[in-house]
Amino acid sequence: MNGVSHRFPPTRLFTIDTCAIAKDKHHIGALLELDVTEGRRRLRRLRTAGTGGSFLGWVLKCLSQAIREYPEVCALYIPKRRILLFPTIDLNILVERELQGQRVPLPVVIRDAAGKSIRQISEELGEAQLEAVSEQIVLGAGRARRSERLYGLLPAWLRRWILRRVIRSPASYRTRMAPVSVSSVGMFGKVNGWFLPLGMTPLVVGLGAVTRKPWAHENSVQLRDILHLSLLLDHDVVDGAPMARFVARLAGLLEQAWGLEAVAAESRP
């Protein structure tokens, strides 16, 4: 049976190369189920009062706080056998944006997330989601777009050699990238499971759906809001014990509704 063929977008080559390089990374994975019932309850109360921020903004704030306490989890291995710790916590997150009438996941970099409030992060994400982008912006215009076309003409081994050089350059992270990749695609479907992303960065976070399920809480079994969260941590730059401490701290921040009491206090007259 004959099918319908479409032109293969040149930008997909970058995705393919990214996945190929990601599979060569020495990532250690963690799959978490976290009780975020209290955090969601406080967020709903704050939104009713016209304050606060989004659930995603709060999760990113908790993530940036955990990284601030354990910065080695997003350190970068650079030439001459050195490890670079970044001065600020920058997050590269995929959000759905409108491209030619369709909603597609495109990256947005949140600079210095640890230095921003939950509301500021939420507003930055909201503005990015509402902004319609064109193919010209995605691919670049003029010289940048010609570079994109040239990239598509190169053989796979050369494209990936170039990418590997880029992701080992601190300057690339300061101008175009971030050492932490966050994918929230899994939050768009109520799936009782994990979303497992691929990524080239030292720390990769996959946010899954929040589902209601029976959960042990205060010596009883209750229906609670459970977030499915996956983590990939680069074993080249951080050992297992710091990884475990970071994961435990992130879990504690999310389950204890960290940061939302401060938001509530700021919103009081």
C-alpha atoms as a PDB file:
ATOM      1  CA  MET A   1       0.000   0.000   0.000  1.00  0.00           C
ATOM      2  CA  ASN A   2       1.342   3.418  -0.961  1.00  0.00           C
ATOM      3  CA  GLY A   3       1.721   5.963   1.826  1.00  0.00           C
ATOM      4  CA  VAL A   4       1.916   9.727   1.891  1.00  0.00           C
ATOM      5  CA  SER A   5       5.431  11.141   2.011  1.00  0.00           C
ATOM      6  CA  HIS A   6       6.482  14.493   3.389  1.00  0.00           C
ATOM      7  CA  ARG A   7       9.700  16.447   3.091  1.00  0.00           C
ATOM      8  CA  PHE A   8      12.078  15.595   5.909  1.00  0.00           C
ATOM      9  CA  PRO A   9      12.704  18.823   7.870  1.00  0.00           C
ATOM     10  CA  PRO A  10      16.403  19.742   8.064  1.00  0.00           C
ATOM     11  CA  THR A  11      16.006  20.576  11.752  1.00  0.00           C
ATOM     12  CA  ARG A  12      15.232  16.915  12.472  1.00  0.00           C
ATOM     13  CA  LEU A  13      18.855  16.083  11.660  1.00  0.00           C
ATOM     14  CA  PHE A  14      19.851  18.067  14.738  1.00  0.00           C
ATOM     15  CA  THR A  15      17.416  16.019  16.838  1.00  0.00           C
ATOM     16  CA  ILE A  16      18.816  12.760  15.439  1.00  0.00           C
ATOM     17  CA  ASP A  17      22.391  13.853  16.126  1.00  0.00           C
ATOM     18  CA  THR A  18      21.451  14.974  19.637  1.00  0.00           C
ATOM     19  CA  CYS A  19      19.964  11.568  20.417  1.00  0.00           C
ATOM     20  CA  ALA A  20      23.005   9.784  18.973  1.00  0.00           C
ATOM     21  CA  ILE A  21      25.371  11.770  21.196  1.00  0.00           C
ATOM     22  CA  ALA A  22      23.069  11.420  24.220  1.00  0.00           C
ATOM     23  CA  LYS A  23      23.309   7.629  24.019  1.00  0.00           C
ATOM     24  CA  ASP A  24      27.091   7.923  24.422  1.00  0.00           C
ATOM     25  CA  LYS A  25      26.768   9.860  27.687  1.00  0.00           C
ATOM     26  CA  HIS A  26      27.442   8.027  30.957  1.00  0.00           C
ATOM     27  CA  HIS A  27      24.169   8.986  32.566  1.00  0.00           C
ATOM     28  CA  ILE A  28      22.809   7.332  35.699  1.00  0.00           C
ATOM     29  CA  GLY A  29      19.010   7.266  35.749  1.00  0.00           C
ATOM     30  CA  ALA A  30      16.545   7.695  38.594  1.00  0.00           C
ATOM     31  CA  LEU A  31      12.771   7.212  38.481  1.00  0.00           C
ATOM     32  CA  LEU A  32      10.849   8.976  41.243  1.00  0.00           C
ATOM     33  CA  GLU A  33       7.272   9.115  42.497  1.00  0.00           C
ATOM     34  CA  LEU A  34       6.764  12.213  44.621  1.00  0.00           C
ATOM     35  CA  ASP A  35       3.772  13.287  46.688  1.00  0.00           C
ATOM     36  CA  VAL A  36       3.090  16.875  45.590  1.00  0.00           C
ATOM     37  CA  THR A  37      -0.409  17.094  47.096  1.00  0.00           C
ATOM     38  CA  GLU A  38       0.498  19.858  49.543  1.00  0.00           C
ATOM     39  CA  GLY A  39       2.348  21.880  46.934  1.00  0.00           C
ATOM     40  CA  ARG A  40      -0.575  21.743  44.507  1.00  0.00           C
ATOM     41  CA  ARG A  41      -3.015  22.654  47.281  1.00  0.00           C
ATOM     42  CA  ARG A  42      -1.004  25.740  48.227  1.00  0.00           C
ATOM     43  CA  LEU A  43      -0.615  26.756  44.600  1.00  0.00           C
ATOM     44  CA  ARG A  44      -4.386  26.541  44.064  1.00  0.00           C
ATOM     45  CA  ARG A  45      -4.952  28.713  47.135  1.00  0.00           C
ATOM     46  CA  LEU A  46      -2.409  31.280  45.956  1.00  0.00           C
ATOM     47  CA  ARG A  47      -3.885  31.399  42.450  1.00  0.00           C
ATOM     48  CA  THR A  48      -7.353  31.947  43.926  1.00  0.00           C
ATOM     49  CA  ALA A  49      -5.885  34.941  45.758  1.00  0.00           C
ATOM     50  CA  GLY A  50      -4.380  36.177  42.505  1.00  0.00           C
ATOM     51  CA  THR A  51      -0.780  35.489  43.546  1.00  0.00           C
ATOM     52  CA  GLY A  52       1.719  32.660  43.227  1.00  0.00           C
ATOM     53  CA  GLY A  53       2.697  30.970  39.983  1.00  0.00           C
ATOM     54  CA  SER A  54       2.338  27.814  37.936  1.00  0.00           C
ATOM     55  CA  PHE A  55       3.024  24.270  39.032  1.00  0.00           C
ATOM     56  CA  LEU A  56       5.827  24.007  36.469  1.00  0.00           C
ATOM     57  CA  GLY A  57       7.366  27.265  37.673  1.00  0.00           C
ATOM     58  CA  TRP A  58       7.390  25.960  41.236  1.00  0.00           C
ATOM     59  CA  VAL A  59       8.972  22.636  40.200  1.00  0.00           C
ATOM     60  CA  LEU A  60      11.723  24.507  38.347  1.00  0.00           C
ATOM     61  CA  LYS A  61      12.339  26.706  41.385  1.00  0.00           C
ATOM     62  CA  CYS A  62      12.696  23.610  43.595  1.00  0.00           C
ATOM     63  CA  LEU A  63      15.037  22.078  41.015  1.00  0.00           C
ATOM     64  CA  SER A  64      17.214  25.199  40.930  1.00  0.00           C
ATOM     65  CA  GLN A  65      17.383  25.262  44.740  1.00  0.00           C
ATOM     66  CA  ALA A  66      18.527  21.631  44.894  1.00  0.00           C
ATOM     67  CA  ILE A  67      21.177  22.362  42.243  1.00  0.00           C
ATOM     68  CA  ARG A  68      22.321  25.426  44.199  1.00  0.00           C
ATOM     69  CA  GLU A  69      23.017  23.134  47.160  1.00  0.00           C
ATOM     70  CA  TYR A  70      24.640  20.428  45.008  1.00  0.00           C
ATOM     71  CA  PRO A  71      26.127  22.300  42.009  1.00  0.00           C
ATOM     72  CA  GLU A  72      28.335  19.367  41.002  1.00  0.00           C
ATOM     73  CA  VAL A  73      25.329  17.561  39.485  1.00  0.00           C
ATOM     74  CA  CYS A  74      25.383  19.953  36.510  1.00  0.00           C
ATOM     75  CA  ALA A  75      29.133  20.434  36.259  1.00  0.00           C
ATOM     76  CA  LEU A  76      30.687  20.253  32.804  1.00  0.00           C
ATOM     77  CA  TYR A  77      33.669  18.098  31.847  1.00  0.00           C
ATOM     78  CA  ILE A  78      35.902  20.261  29.659  1.00  0.00           C
ATOM     79  CA  PRO A  79      39.229  19.726  27.854  1.00  0.00           C
ATOM     80  CA  LYS A  80      42.476  19.252  29.823  1.00  0.00           C
ATOM     81  CA  ARG A  81      40.599  17.093  32.324  1.00  0.00           C
ATOM     82  CA  ARG A  82      38.889  19.894  34.165  1.00  0.00           C
ATOM     83  CA  ILE A  83      35.413  20.186  35.647  1.00  0.00           C
ATOM     84  CA  LEU A  84      33.580  23.493  35.340  1.00  0.00           C
ATOM     85  CA  LEU A  85      30.968  24.685  37.845  1.00  0.00           C
ATOM     86  CA  PHE A  86      28.704  27.361  36.383  1.00  0.00           C
ATOM     87  CA  PRO A  87      28.212  30.637  38.302  1.00  0.00           C
ATOM     88  CA  THR A  88      24.438  30.664  37.728  1.00  0.00           C
ATOM     89  CA  ILE A  89      21.812  27.958  37.365  1.00  0.00           C
ATOM     90  CA  ASP A  90      20.426  28.057  33.846  1.00  0.00           C
ATOM     91  CA  LEU A  91      17.643  25.711  32.745  1.00  0.00           C
ATOM     92  CA  ASN A  92      16.819  24.725  29.178  1.00  0.00           C
ATOM     93  CA  ILE A  93      13.162  23.681  29.082  1.00  0.00           C
ATOM     94  CA  LEU A  94      10.996  22.501  26.213  1.00  0.00           C
ATOM     95  CA  VAL A  95       7.648  24.305  26.045  1.00  0.00           C
ATOM     96  CA  GLU A  96       4.907  24.079  23.463  1.00  0.00           C
ATOM     97  CA  ARG A  97       4.875  27.082  21.130  1.00  0.00           C
ATOM     98  CA  GLU A  98       2.877  27.861  18.023  1.00  0.00           C
ATOM     99  CA  LEU A  99       4.693  27.291  14.730  1.00  0.00           C
ATOM    100  CA  GLN A 100       2.724  27.699  11.504  1.00  0.00           C
ATOM    101  CA  GLY A 101      -0.580  26.974  13.267  1.00  0.00           C
ATOM    102  CA  GLN A 102       0.667  23.938  15.175  1.00  0.00           C
ATOM    103  CA  ARG A 103       1.865  23.490  18.753  1.00  0.00           C
ATOM    104  CA  VAL A 104       5.422  22.158  18.753  1.00  0.00           C
ATOM    105  CA  PRO A 105       7.972  21.716  21.583  1.00  0.00           C
ATOM    106  CA  LEU A 106      10.723  24.331  21.353  1.00  0.00           C
ATOM    107  CA  PRO A 107      13.473  25.193  23.868  1.00  0.00           C
ATOM    108  CA  VAL A 108      13.396  28.176  26.192  1.00  0.00           C
ATOM    109  CA  VAL A 109      16.388  29.010  28.418  1.00  0.00           C
ATOM    110  CA  ILE A 110      15.632  30.313  31.909  1.00  0.00           C
ATOM    111  CA  ARG A 111      18.753  32.180  33.007  1.00  0.00           C
ATOM    112  CA  ASP A 112      19.672  32.323  36.711  1.00  0.00           C
ATOM    113  CA  ALA A 113      16.606  30.365  37.807  1.00  0.00           C
ATOM    114  CA  ALA A 114      17.840  30.227  41.414  1.00  0.00           C
ATOM    115  CA  GLY A 115      17.864  34.029  41.543  1.00  0.00           C
ATOM    116  CA  LYS A 116      14.265  34.345  40.332  1.00  0.00           C
ATOM    117  CA  SER A 117      11.022  33.896  42.195  1.00  0.00           C
ATOM    118  CA  ILE A 118       8.417  31.256  41.374  1.00  0.00           C
ATOM    119  CA  ARG A 119       6.224  33.967  39.873  1.00  0.00           C
ATOM    120  CA  GLN A 120       9.047  35.320  37.683  1.00  0.00           C
ATOM    121  CA  ILE A 121       9.857  31.850  36.330  1.00  0.00           C
ATOM    122  CA  SER A 122       6.157  31.158  35.726  1.00  0.00           C
ATOM    123  CA  GLU A 123       5.667  34.445  33.890  1.00  0.00           C
ATOM    124  CA  GLU A 124       8.735  33.850  31.735  1.00  0.00           C
ATOM    125  CA  LEU A 125       7.422  30.422  30.753  1.00  0.00           C
ATOM    126  CA  GLY A 126       3.934  31.776  30.125  1.00  0.00           C
ATOM    127  CA  GLU A 127       5.225  34.508  27.841  1.00  0.00           C
ATOM    128  CA  ALA A 128       7.263  31.964  25.875  1.00  0.00           C
ATOM    129  CA  GLN A 129       4.269  29.647  25.470  1.00  0.00           C
ATOM    130  CA  LEU A 130       2.049  32.455  24.172  1.00  0.00           C
ATOM    131  CA  GLU A 131       4.621  33.765  21.739  1.00  0.00           C
ATOM    132  CA  ALA A 132       4.026  32.568  18.180  1.00  0.00           C
ATOM    133  CA  VAL A 133       7.248  31.799  16.308  1.00  0.00           C
ATOM    134  CA  SER A 134       7.957  31.420  12.628  1.00  0.00           C
ATOM    135  CA  GLU A 135      10.170  28.972  10.796  1.00  0.00           C
ATOM    136  CA  GLN A 136      12.479  31.913  10.098  1.00  0.00           C
ATOM    137  CA  ILE A 137      13.008  32.389  13.821  1.00  0.00           C
ATOM    138  CA  VAL A 138      13.452  28.681  14.520  1.00  0.00           C
ATOM    139  CA  LEU A 139      15.939  28.128  11.722  1.00  0.00           C
ATOM    140  CA  GLY A 140      17.492  31.576  11.874  1.00  0.00           C
ATOM    141  CA  ALA A 141      17.701  34.123   9.122  1.00  0.00           C
ATOM    142  CA  GLY A 142      20.434  35.103   6.732  1.00  0.00           C
ATOM    143  CA  ARG A 143      23.812  33.797   7.725  1.00  0.00           C
ATOM    144  CA  ALA A 144      22.450  31.629  10.539  1.00  0.00           C
ATOM    145  CA  ARG A 145      19.984  29.947   8.214  1.00  0.00           C
ATOM    146  CA  ARG A 146      22.686  29.289   5.614  1.00  0.00           C
ATOM    147  CA  SER A 147      24.739  27.639   8.350  1.00  0.00           C
ATOM    148  CA  GLU A 148      21.727  25.489   9.170  1.00  0.00           C
ATOM    149  CA  ARG A 149      21.456  24.361   5.557  1.00  0.00           C
ATOM    150  CA  LEU A 150      25.178  23.672   5.377  1.00  0.00           C
ATOM    151  CA  TYR A 151      24.900  21.587   8.547  1.00  0.00           C
ATOM    152  CA  GLY A 152      22.274  19.428   6.816  1.00  0.00           C
ATOM    153  CA  LEU A 153      24.627  18.760   3.901  1.00  0.00           C
ATOM    154  CA  LEU A 154      27.424  17.431   6.113  1.00  0.00           C
ATOM    155  CA  PRO A 155      27.903  13.689   6.710  1.00  0.00           C
ATOM    156  CA  ALA A 156      26.609  12.377  10.043  1.00  0.00           C
ATOM    157  CA  TRP A 157      30.074  11.749  11.543  1.00  0.00           C
ATOM    158  CA  LEU A 158      31.152  15.342  10.869  1.00  0.00           C
ATOM    159  CA  ARG A 159      27.911  16.849  12.207  1.00  0.00           C
ATOM    160  CA  ARG A 160      28.279  14.894  15.436  1.00  0.00           C
ATOM    161  CA  TRP A 161      31.960  15.793  15.764  1.00  0.00           C
ATOM    162  CA  ILE A 162      30.968  19.466  15.565  1.00  0.00           C
ATOM    163  CA  LEU A 163      28.197  18.985  18.144  1.00  0.00           C
ATOM    164  CA  ARG A 164      30.548  17.233  20.550  1.00  0.00           C
ATOM    165  CA  ARG A 165      32.925  20.187  20.313  1.00  0.00           C
ATOM    166  CA  VAL A 166      30.034  22.569  20.970  1.00  0.00           C
ATOM    167  CA  ILE A 167      28.764  20.792  24.088  1.00  0.00           C
ATOM    168  CA  ARG A 168      32.268  20.754  25.585  1.00  0.00           C
ATOM    169  CA  SER A 169      32.628  24.513  25.174  1.00  0.00           C
ATOM    170  CA  PRO A 170      31.719  26.659  28.208  1.00  0.00           C
ATOM    171  CA  ALA A 171      31.027  29.575  25.856  1.00  0.00           C
ATOM    172  CA  SER A 172      28.246  27.593  24.162  1.00  0.00           C
ATOM    173  CA  TYR A 173      26.459  27.089  27.461  1.00  0.00           C
ATOM    174  CA  ARG A 174      26.777  30.769  28.343  1.00  0.00           C
ATOM    175  CA  THR A 175      25.323  32.011  25.037  1.00  0.00           C
ATOM    176  CA  ARG A 176      23.048  29.346  23.517  1.00  0.00           C
ATOM    177  CA  MET A 177      22.586  26.432  25.906  1.00  0.00           C
ATOM    178  CA  ALA A 178      22.166  25.490  29.556  1.00  0.00           C
ATOM    179  CA  PRO A 179      23.742  22.651  31.569  1.00  0.00           C
ATOM    180  CA  VAL A 180      20.319  21.435  32.699  1.00  0.00           C
ATOM    181  CA  SER A 181      17.715  20.134  30.244  1.00  0.00           C
ATOM    182  CA  VAL A 182      14.096  19.853  31.358  1.00  0.00           C
ATOM    183  CA  SER A 183      11.402  18.175  29.296  1.00  0.00           C
ATOM    184  CA  SER A 184       7.808  18.553  30.434  1.00  0.00           C
ATOM    185  CA  VAL A 185       6.241  16.673  27.515  1.00  0.00           C
ATOM    186  CA  GLY A 186       5.045  13.936  29.853  1.00  0.00           C
ATOM    187  CA  MET A 187       2.900  16.429  31.760  1.00  0.00           C
ATOM    188  CA  PHE A 188       0.541  16.814  28.796  1.00  0.00           C
ATOM    189  CA  GLY A 189      -0.939  13.316  29.184  1.00  0.00           C
ATOM    190  CA  LYS A 190      -2.377  11.604  32.259  1.00  0.00           C
ATOM    191  CA  VAL A 191      -0.139   8.549  32.016  1.00  0.00           C
ATOM    192  CA  ASN A 192       0.569   6.586  35.174  1.00  0.00           C
ATOM    193  CA  GLY A 193       4.264   6.227  34.449  1.00  0.00           C
ATOM    194  CA  TRP A 194       7.508   7.971  33.540  1.00  0.00           C
ATOM    195  CA  PHE A 195       8.698   9.926  30.538  1.00  0.00           C
ATOM    196  CA  LEU A 196      12.330   9.019  29.754  1.00  0.00           C
ATOM    197  CA  PRO A 197      14.107  11.794  27.839  1.00  0.00           C
ATOM    198  CA  LEU A 198      17.478  11.819  26.121  1.00  0.00           C
ATOM    199  CA  GLY A 199      19.891  14.691  26.485  1.00  0.00           C
ATOM    200  CA  MET A 200      23.478  15.835  25.979  1.00  0.00           C
ATOM    201  CA  THR A 201      23.685  17.971  29.122  1.00  0.00           C
ATOM    202  CA  PRO A 202      25.108  16.897  32.519  1.00  0.00           C
ATOM    203  CA  LEU A 203      21.645  16.883  34.101  1.00  0.00           C
ATOM    204  CA  VAL A 204      18.484  15.862  32.258  1.00  0.00           C
ATOM    205  CA  VAL A 205      15.044  16.069  33.909  1.00  0.00           C
ATOM    206  CA  GLY A 206      11.864  14.504  32.577  1.00  0.00           C
ATOM    207  CA  LEU A 207       8.583  15.691  34.107  1.00  0.00           C
ATOM    208  CA  GLY A 208       5.750  13.213  33.784  1.00  0.00           C
ATOM    209  CA  ALA A 209       2.097  13.484  34.650  1.00  0.00           C
ATOM    210  CA  VAL A 210       0.624  14.069  38.102  1.00  0.00           C
ATOM    211  CA  THR A 211      -1.871  11.294  38.846  1.00  0.00           C
ATOM    212  CA  ARG A 212      -4.151  10.536  41.781  1.00  0.00           C
ATOM    213  CA  LYS A 213      -3.314   7.247  43.431  1.00  0.00           C
ATOM    214  CA  PRO A 214      -3.518   5.532  46.844  1.00  0.00           C
ATOM    215  CA  TRP A 215      -0.513   6.576  48.936  1.00  0.00           C
ATOM    216  CA  ALA A 216       0.665   6.031  52.495  1.00  0.00           C
ATOM    217  CA  HIS A 217       0.326   9.343  54.350  1.00  0.00           C
ATOM    218  CA  GLU A 218       0.176  10.025  58.100  1.00  0.00           C
ATOM    219  CA  ASN A 219      -0.342   6.377  59.058  1.00  0.00           C
ATOM    220  CA  SER A 220      -3.169   5.857  56.584  1.00  0.00           C
ATOM    221  CA  VAL A 221      -3.709   5.224  52.885  1.00  0.00           C
ATOM    222  CA  GLN A 222      -5.123   8.245  51.071  1.00  0.00           C
ATOM    223  CA  LEU A 223      -5.617   9.419  47.514  1.00  0.00           C
ATOM    224  CA  ARG A 224      -2.707  11.748  46.812  1.00  0.00           C
ATOM    225  CA  ASP A 225      -1.290  13.730  43.872  1.00  0.00           C
ATOM    226  CA  ILE A 226       1.820  11.879  42.698  1.00  0.00           C
ATOM    227  CA  LEU A 227       4.349  13.390  40.298  1.00  0.00           C
ATOM    228  CA  HIS A 228       6.338  11.023  38.073  1.00  0.00           C
ATOM    229  CA  LEU A 229       9.810  12.471  37.648  1.00  0.00           C
ATOM    230  CA  SER A 230      12.881  11.030  35.927  1.00  0.00           C
ATOM    231  CA  LEU A 231      16.494  12.187  36.259  1.00  0.00           C
ATOM    232  CA  LEU A 232      19.652  11.498  34.273  1.00  0.00           C
ATOM    233  CA  LEU A 233      22.920  12.495  35.970  1.00  0.00           C
ATOM    234  CA  ASP A 234      26.359  12.447  34.344  1.00  0.00           C
ATOM    235  CA  HIS A 235      28.538   9.905  36.159  1.00  0.00           C
ATOM    236  CA  ASP A 236      31.643  11.419  34.531  1.00  0.00           C
ATOM    237  CA  VAL A 237      31.415  14.498  36.762  1.00  0.00           C
ATOM    238  CA  VAL A 238      29.596  13.327  39.898  1.00  0.00           C
ATOM    239  CA  ASP A 239      29.710  10.172  42.011  1.00  0.00           C
ATOM    240  CA  GLY A 240      26.859   8.096  43.350  1.00  0.00           C
ATOM    241  CA  ALA A 241      26.761   9.517  46.894  1.00  0.00           C
ATOM    242  CA  PRO A 242      26.361  13.179  45.816  1.00  0.00           C
ATOM    243  CA  MET A 243      23.806  12.024  43.250  1.00  0.00           C
ATOM    244  CA  ALA A 244      21.775  10.330  45.973  1.00  0.00           C
ATOM    245  CA  ARG A 245      21.953  13.393  48.239  1.00  0.00           C
ATOM    246  CA  PHE A 246      20.817  15.659  45.406  1.00  0.00           C
ATOM    247  CA  VAL A 247      17.909  13.376  44.511  1.00  0.00           C
ATOM    248  CA  ALA A 248      16.859  13.146  48.165  1.00  0.00           C
ATOM    249  CA  ARG A 249      17.010  16.930  48.556  1.00  0.00           C
ATOM    250  CA  LEU A 250      14.969  17.563  45.404  1.00  0.00           C
ATOM    251  CA  ALA A 251      12.377  15.025  46.546  1.00  0.00           C
ATOM    252  CA  GLY A 252      12.197  16.675  49.959  1.00  0.00           C
ATOM    253  CA  LEU A 253      11.713  20.159  48.510  1.00  0.00           C
ATOM    254  CA  LEU A 254       8.851  19.014  46.304  1.00  0.00           C
ATOM    255  CA  GLU A 255       7.107  16.886  48.915  1.00  0.00           C
ATOM    256  CA  GLN A 256       7.411  19.591  51.592  1.00  0.00           C
ATOM    257  CA  ALA A 257       5.961  22.300  49.286  1.00  0.00           C
ATOM    258  CA  TRP A 258       9.176  24.298  49.640  1.00  0.00           C
ATOM    259  CA  GLY A 259       9.049  27.969  48.742  1.00  0.00           C
ATOM    260  CA  LEU A 260       5.281  28.324  48.771  1.00  0.00           C
ATOM    261  CA  GLU A 261       5.038  29.598  52.323  1.00  0.00           C
ATOM    262  CA  ALA A 262       7.332  32.459  51.328  1.00  0.00           C
ATOM    263  CA  VAL A 263       5.077  33.227  48.372  1.00  0.00           C
ATOM    264  CA  ALA A 264       2.047  33.217  50.665  1.00  0.00           C
ATOM    265  CA  ALA A 265       3.779  35.619  53.062  1.00  0.00           C
ATOM    266  CA  GLU A 266       4.713  37.983  50.213  1.00  0.00           C
ATOM    267  CA  SER A 267       1.097  38.066  49.029  1.00  0.00           C
ATOM    268  CA  ARG A 268      -0.341  39.139  52.390  1.00  0.00           C
ATOM    269  CA  PRO A 269      -1.183  42.837  52.739  1.00  0.00           C
END
